[in-house]
C-alpha cells in the first residue's frame, strides 16, 4: 500500500480549489459586466425617451416620427420585457 504524503495531498487539493476559484471569479466578473451594461442601457433608454418627448414638444407628431423610423414603441416594448424579467426573477428568489 502506497504511503500518502500530507503536503502533496494538500498541494493537489489547493490546485483543485484554485481552478474552482478561478471559474467563479470569471463568473462574478461577467455578471458585474452584465449589470453595468444593463444600467447603461437603462440610462440610454431614459435619454431616448426624453429626446422623444422633446421632439414631440418641438412640433413633431408621433406619426411623423414613426415614418422617420423613430417609433416610441421600441422603448416601451423593451421596458416591458425588462419589467417582466425582473418580476419573474423576483418570484424565483422568493
Protein backbone atom coordinates (compact mmCIF):
# COMPACT_ATOMS: atom_id res chain seq x y z
CA UNK A 1 0.00 0.00 0.00
CA UNK A 2 1.33 3.42 -1.00
CA UNK A 3 2.10 5.96 1.68
CA UNK A 4 0.06 9.15 1.43
CA UNK A 5 2.09 12.34 1.76
CA UNK A 6 0.17 15.08 3.58
CA UNK A 7 1.91 18.01 1.85
CA UNK A 8 1.47 16.51 -1.62
CA UNK A 9 -2.21 15.92 -0.94
CA UNK A 10 -2.65 19.49 0.33
CA UNK A 11 -0.92 20.87 -2.78
CA UNK A 12 -3.17 18.82 -5.04
CA UNK A 13 -6.24 19.98 -3.17
CA UNK A 14 -5.11 23.64 -3.45
CA UNK A 15 -4.68 23.27 -7.21
CA UNK A 16 -8.21 21.90 -7.50
CA UNK A 17 -9.60 24.71 -5.36
CA UNK A 18 -7.64 27.35 -7.29
CA UNK A 19 -9.24 26.13 -10.51
CA UNK A 20 -12.70 26.33 -8.95
CA UNK A 21 -11.98 29.80 -7.55
CA UNK A 22 -10.82 30.96 -10.99
CA UNK A 23 -14.06 29.85 -12.64
CA UNK A 24 -16.25 31.54 -10.04
CA UNK A 25 -14.09 34.68 -10.30
CA UNK A 26 -14.73 34.75 -14.05
CA UNK A 27 -18.44 34.32 -13.39
CA UNK A 28 -18.52 37.25 -10.95
CA UNK A 29 -16.64 39.47 -13.41
CA UNK A 30 -19.02 38.66 -16.26
CA UNK A 31 -22.10 39.15 -14.06
CA UNK A 32 -20.82 42.57 -12.98
CA UNK A 33 -20.29 43.47 -16.64
CA UNK A 34 -23.86 42.39 -17.48
CA UNK A 35 -25.19 44.54 -14.62
CA UNK A 36 -23.12 47.54 -15.82
CA UNK A 37 -24.36 47.12 -19.38
CA UNK A 38 -27.98 46.82 -18.22
CA UNK A 39 -27.59 50.08 -16.31
CA UNK A 40 -26.03 51.75 -19.37
CA UNK A 41 -28.93 50.50 -21.49
CA UNK A 42 -31.46 51.79 -18.95
CA UNK A 43 -29.77 55.20 -18.96
CA UNK A 44 -29.73 55.30 -22.77
CA UNK A 45 -33.42 54.40 -22.83
CA UNK A 46 -34.21 57.20 -20.36
CA UNK A 47 -32.29 59.66 -22.55
CA UNK A 48 -34.09 58.36 -25.64
CA UNK A 49 -37.47 58.87 -24.00
CA UNK A 50 -36.57 62.45 -23.04
CA UNK A 51 -35.38 63.15 -26.59
CA UNK A 52 -38.62 61.70 -28.00
CA UNK A 53 -40.68 63.92 -25.70
CA UNK A 54 -38.59 66.96 -26.73
CA UNK A 55 -39.19 66.14 -30.39
CA UNK A 56 -42.95 65.98 -29.86
CA UNK A 57 -42.88 69.25 -27.91
CA UNK A 58 -40.97 70.81 -30.81
CA UNK A 59 -43.90 70.01 -33.09
CA UNK A 60 -43.18 66.52 -34.45
CA UNK A 61 -46.21 64.27 -34.39
CA UNK A 62 -45.98 60.62 -33.39
CA UNK A 63 -46.97 59.65 -36.94
CA UNK A 64 -44.22 61.80 -38.45
CA UNK A 65 -41.61 60.35 -36.12
CA UNK A 66 -42.85 56.85 -36.87
CA UNK A 67 -42.49 57.50 -40.64
CA UNK A 68 -38.89 58.53 -39.94
CA UNK A 69 -38.28 55.22 -38.16
CA UNK A 70 -38.39 56.82 -34.73
CA UNK A 71 -41.28 54.89 -33.24
CA UNK A 72 -41.61 55.25 -29.48
CA UNK A 73 -42.95 51.69 -29.20
CA UNK A 74 -39.40 50.26 -29.33
CA UNK A 75 -38.59 51.69 -25.91
CA UNK A 76 -41.98 50.71 -24.48
CA UNK A 77 -41.54 47.11 -25.67
CA UNK A 78 -38.04 46.80 -24.24
CA UNK A 79 -39.07 48.27 -20.88
CA UNK A 80 -41.99 45.87 -20.63
CA UNK A 81 -39.71 42.88 -21.31
CA UNK A 82 -37.24 44.13 -18.70
CA UNK A 83 -40.07 44.54 -16.19
CA UNK A 84 -41.31 41.02 -16.93
CA UNK A 85 -37.79 39.61 -16.50
CA UNK A 86 -37.30 41.44 -13.18
CA UNK A 87 -40.69 40.28 -11.90
CA UNK A 88 -40.01 36.65 -12.82
CA UNK A 89 -36.54 36.73 -11.24
CA UNK A 90 -38.01 38.20 -8.04
CA UNK A 91 -40.63 35.44 -7.86
CA UNK A 92 -37.90 32.80 -8.26
CA UNK A 93 -35.92 34.30 -5.38
CA UNK A 94 -38.91 34.35 -3.02
